[in-house]
Amino acid sequence: MLDSLESLEKIKVIQPVNVALQRETLPALRNMKMPTVAIVGSMNADYTIVANRLPMPGETIKGDEIRILPGGKSGNQAVSAAKLGAHVCMFGAV
């Protein structure tokens, strides 16, 4: 917590990530044996309505299509870990 300007000295600067370096090392990471990840938490259905355009501030518009997709914080984490190559076990409640 910052309680004075003197505390600013304690903040570490995060350097931008070299995207080119990530692209070079990503295939090597995919070949590594990935751990099994157990994720415990909430999962639910996300309802997304698709429209032709974004509404203006205060405007209500009609959507054309409804999409029901898996979601929830833990559900999203499980999908992300699996996309990175981990074997994922998800424990949760709807």
Protein backbone atom coordinates (compact mmCIF):
# COMPACT_ATOMS: atom_id res chain seq x y z
CA MET A 1 0.00 0.00 0.00
CA LEU A 2 1.29 3.46 -0.85
CA ASP A 3 0.96 5.73 2.16
CA SER A 4 3.43 8.36 1.00
CA LEU A 5 5.45 9.39 -2.02
CA GLU A 6 8.51 7.77 -0.41
CA SER A 7 6.82 4.40 -0.99
CA LEU A 8 7.11 4.96 -4.75
CA GLU A 9 10.77 3.94 -4.55
CA LYS A 10 9.68 0.42 -3.60
CA ILE A 11 7.68 -0.11 -6.81
CA LYS A 12 9.44 -2.25 -9.38
CA VAL A 13 9.16 -1.28 -13.01
CA ILE A 14 7.81 -4.04 -15.23
CA GLN A 15 9.62 -4.19 -18.55
CA PRO A 16 7.69 -4.82 -21.78
CA VAL A 17 7.83 -8.41 -22.97
CA ASN A 18 9.79 -9.16 -26.12
CA VAL A 19 7.10 -10.65 -28.37
CA ALA A 20 9.64 -11.99 -30.87
CA LEU A 21 11.42 -13.88 -28.09
CA GLN A 22 8.13 -15.39 -26.96
CA ARG A 23 7.37 -16.59 -30.49
CA GLU A 24 10.77 -18.29 -30.64
CA THR A 25 10.48 -20.04 -27.28
CA LEU A 26 6.80 -21.04 -27.43
CA PRO A 27 7.33 -24.17 -29.61
CA ALA A 28 10.03 -25.38 -27.20
CA LEU A 29 7.70 -24.88 -24.25
CA ARG A 30 4.97 -26.88 -25.97
CA ASN A 31 7.34 -29.87 -26.26
CA MET A 32 8.04 -29.88 -22.51
CA LYS A 33 6.14 -32.30 -20.29
CA MET A 34 3.37 -30.19 -18.82
CA PRO A 35 2.02 -30.72 -15.32
CA THR A 36 -1.45 -31.80 -14.35
CA VAL A 37 -3.40 -28.81 -13.07
CA ALA A 38 -6.37 -29.12 -10.71
CA ILE A 39 -8.68 -26.11 -10.74
CA VAL A 40 -11.43 -25.74 -8.15
CA GLY A 41 -14.01 -22.99 -8.44
CA SER A 42 -17.00 -21.61 -10.24
CA MET A 43 -18.08 -22.33 -13.77
CA ASN A 44 -21.19 -21.10 -15.46
CA ALA A 45 -22.78 -20.35 -18.80
CA ASP A 46 -22.05 -16.98 -20.39
CA TYR A 47 -24.87 -15.57 -22.50
CA THR A 48 -23.50 -13.36 -25.28
CA ILE A 49 -25.79 -11.42 -27.59
CA VAL A 50 -24.37 -10.50 -30.99
CA ALA A 51 -25.43 -7.24 -32.68
CA ASN A 52 -24.45 -5.57 -35.95
CA ARG A 53 -22.78 -2.68 -34.12
CA LEU A 54 -21.90 -1.34 -30.69
CA PRO A 55 -24.56 0.84 -29.05
CA MET A 56 -23.98 4.55 -28.52
CA PRO A 57 -23.89 5.73 -24.88
CA GLY A 58 -27.39 5.33 -23.43
CA GLU A 59 -28.72 3.60 -26.55
CA THR A 60 -30.46 0.22 -26.54
CA ILE A 61 -30.15 -1.91 -29.66
CA LYS A 62 -31.49 -5.35 -30.61
CA GLY A 63 -29.22 -8.32 -30.96
CA ASP A 64 -29.37 -10.81 -33.81
CA GLU A 65 -28.02 -13.94 -32.19
CA ILE A 66 -27.60 -15.38 -28.70
CA ARG A 67 -24.57 -17.52 -27.89
CA ILE A 68 -24.35 -19.67 -24.79
CA LEU A 69 -20.71 -20.41 -24.03
CA PRO A 70 -18.89 -21.98 -21.09
CA GLY A 71 -17.47 -19.43 -18.69
CA GLY A 72 -16.79 -18.51 -15.09
CA LYS A 73 -13.40 -17.56 -13.64
CA SER A 74 -12.29 -21.11 -12.95
CA GLY A 75 -13.74 -22.40 -16.21
CA ASN A 76 -11.79 -19.77 -18.15
CA GLN A 77 -8.60 -20.64 -16.24
CA ALA A 78 -9.06 -24.33 -17.04
CA VAL A 79 -9.47 -23.61 -20.75
CA SER A 80 -6.40 -21.34 -20.78
CA ALA A 81 -4.23 -23.91 -18.99
CA ALA A 82 -5.38 -26.63 -21.40
CA LYS A 83 -4.56 -24.42 -24.40
CA LEU A 84 -1.03 -24.08 -22.99
CA GLY A 85 -0.75 -27.86 -22.99
CA ALA A 86 -1.45 -28.75 -19.36
CA HIS A 87 -3.59 -31.74 -18.45
CA VAL A 88 -6.46 -30.07 -16.57
CA CYS A 89 -8.88 -31.48 -13.99
CA MET A 90 -11.74 -29.08 -13.26
CA PHE A 91 -13.79 -29.30 -10.07
CA GLY A 92 -16.63 -26.85 -9.76
CA ALA A 93 -20.28 -26.12 -9.35
CA VAL A 94 -22.71 -24.43 -11.67
